[in-house]
Amino acid sequence: MQNRSFYLYVILLLTGLTTIQAGELFRFTTKYMTLSVNEKGYIESLKSKSGKEYIPKEHRPALVNLYRKDMFIHPVAATYDKKSSEMTLSYSNGSVAVVRIGLQEDYLRMEFLSLSPVNGVDNIVWGPYNTTISKTLGEVISVVRDDEFAIGIMAIDDNTTSGLPCAGDMYQGCYIIHSPDPVKYPLPDSLREGQRFRIGGDGMNDVAFYSHPEEYYRFMIGDGATLEPEFGSSIALHARDRSKPFTILYPHFNDFPSIKAPRHMDVDPVEVDYIGSTIAFYGCPEDLGLNVIEQVVLNEGLPHMTRNGKWVKDPTSFRTDIAWWGAHDSLISYANQLEIKAVQDEGLGEYYVNPANRWAGKKVTLNGEKVAISEYTKQLNANGIDYGLHTLTEFVQPHSSDVSPIPNPGLCTVLRTKIEKTVSALDTVICVADTSYLNEHGTWDDNRTNALRIGKELITYKGVTTTKPYILTGVKRGAYKTQPMSHVAGEELVKLQVNCYQGFIPGIQLQDEYADFYAKWLIDGGMNYIDFDGYESFTYQGHGHYSFKRFMRKMFDTFKQLGGGYLRVMGSCVFEGNWHYMSVCNIGGGNHMFNPVTNKWGIEGKDFRYALRGNYFPCTFGIQNFDPEWTVQTIENLQSKAIAWDATYMLGLSEAAVEKSPRKYELFKAFRTWEKARIANVFSPSLKEEMQKEENRYHLEQLDDNTWKMYRVNAAGKLIKPVVLKAK
């Protein structure tokens, strides 16, 4: 009988996916892994097909944890109904949860169906799932990898977001000590694996964030994956009940040394909670990780952005863009000569949302005349060139029509209270019901700006007295060109969330209108490219990655409804909330990112190389401004290293710079030769690895439409060791 059971199990494995109860273990088998859950609701084992175990024996994780007021509530018992594919988990607080575990070919689909009684639970946590893997952390999309295997979890619904619950649902950027290769980059005696450091900087200068050139200083931009030196790593997602107001210490995002104390914020509720939270749990060979993620994305209807039929996360789709400055007479000509199909117009400056003046007077200069952007994009579109502008995302300027002359009631708030006594339009003595953190200045960067809204008026103030009657100090009426007016006792007073530029932020509901605004703006301008600088503006509302996802989904849905197709998105950083929607992250620039003369990575480039590559996203050289003094070898260095690292970048161009170069046609030809070879996918993984070496320089010649010859260039500039490359 025992042998018959064994043979039945083998037959099931060979003919399909299985869920088998063996003793007190519930086993779930996909194409590449077997995950076993014990009778207490803990993951007992996660094995690859080769039989290798990836769960640390002394640190077995729970399948689902509950979370209440910063405390974990762990399961104590589990049962599984094979017929309904539902696991029932009982918890130490008396709550009972039901989780459906569906078997897909490449992953497990887990959905949180119910919790009763709720007993004050405010979050559920998928994990943290402890693993023995530690080499490569994908802290944005919750994946860890070594040279053999990848283990990851991916949120399927928008309210399930990265990492563990924390204030504002955003992780503090930091450095950790983690050597990518302990033999090549050994740690000094003064450091240890997992040690954490603040990122540095003053919050005003992007470059100041990145301060450690050593390879073992790892810049972390999320907490979906966490290094655990004792045993390996952990990965986690969580879902919050956002339907009730809650107070946070804001923020939990940028940990600048200049920030002395966090500020309180009463987060406005939205009608979503953790019931229905769904994830994909996968384990697979390391080289198939991106393929499995794409299957999850396609099967679950997640955003799947394609360009020319290729998923934008596929390295074979990675391309160089243009960052443009100045008059536009030669832009199309240059783009066609270089065979570049995307242009970000940096010369028009930063664009801020303003519903009453959506174009802010921006026009392109063509043949000495000012031309509407929508007219110029028709010419670009006719040449197959994507075109877009540089925005400041959700940063609302003080002169916006949502601020004055009548402030939009949907602007993001920090707190709400009431005035105690009626005031006239001239009064500067305003009594409030309670101090409500009114003595805390500004926002996370302490910009000393305090703004209040009472009805249709904005006022500024300096502080509040600490004993009754609570009176605002330093009051200025009719701020931001609003109209001073009288207000009656009991009228609501709200403190507004002020951004780091002394402007404002839309609340989570008004944000929906901003998403529609951007979609219509893109369509009206004929644009299919957008740069969301200031992406961190989504964090000000206190809803973290959910805010990103809500905005991006709304914008993309509206863009599609209005007839838009592919939309190329760039931004100031990659977060779990925008990972699906972004094509590139070409931030920063110059030698801070990469030096094409020396082939050396800058500090910022090194930091983003680890962060982005670990999350299946193209690393970047930022903006590489065309220098009239560049040699052909410089452009070949730039292109060959971008291909070697699967990196993207923007080639910074202007007529003024290009026309000063005596070698512009040679440089354009060299660029084009490498770009065509990249499109033809002639570079094998092993060749790319060799090309990554700093000391290696190359020259490339195209022999015909499908064949290239690549030479090594020695220190004397001589061409050596030619290799023939064929299109695949």
Foldseek 3Di string as FASTA:
>chain_A
DVVVVVVVVVVPVVPHWDWDCDPQWTWGDAQFWIWIAGFQQWTCFIATPVGDTWAPNVDTKGQKWFDAPRDTWGFGGWDADPVQQWIWTATPVGKIWIWHWDYDRFWIKIWTADIPPCNRTFKMKRILGHTQAAQAAQQFAQWGDDQWKIWGKGWLDLQKHFDDDAFLRFAEKWWFFAANDCVVQNDPPVHDGGDIGAQEDQVPDPLRSFDDQRLRTAIDGHHQKGADPVRHITGMIMGGQQQDKDKGFDDNYYDYPLQDGTAIFTFHGDHDTRNGTMMIIGMHTPVCVVVSVVVVCVVSVHQFFDDPRHGLLPLLNFAAAAEEADADACVLVLCVLLVHAEYEDCRQDEAEDAPVCRVVPDFHAYPNDTDHLLVVLVVSVVVNHFYEYHYQQFFHALQGVCNPQFHPPQFAFRDKWWWAFKDFLPDQKTFTPAQGSQAQAAHRSRPRWKWKDFHRWIKTFRGWDHDPRITTHRIDTRPSVYGRGIDGGGGMMTIFHADPVRTTGGALVVLLVVLLVVLVVCVSSVHQEYEHENPCSQSSSSSPLSSLQVSVVSNVVNNVVVPHDRHAYEYCDDHSSCPSPHSAHQADADQCAAQLVQRDGHSVNSNQLSNQVSNSHAGERHEYEQALPDDLQSLQSVLLLCLLSSHYYHYYDYCVGLVSHPCNSSNSVQSSQSSLCSSLVQADNVNSPVSNDSQWTWGKDADDSFKIKIFTQDPVRDTDDIDMTGRD
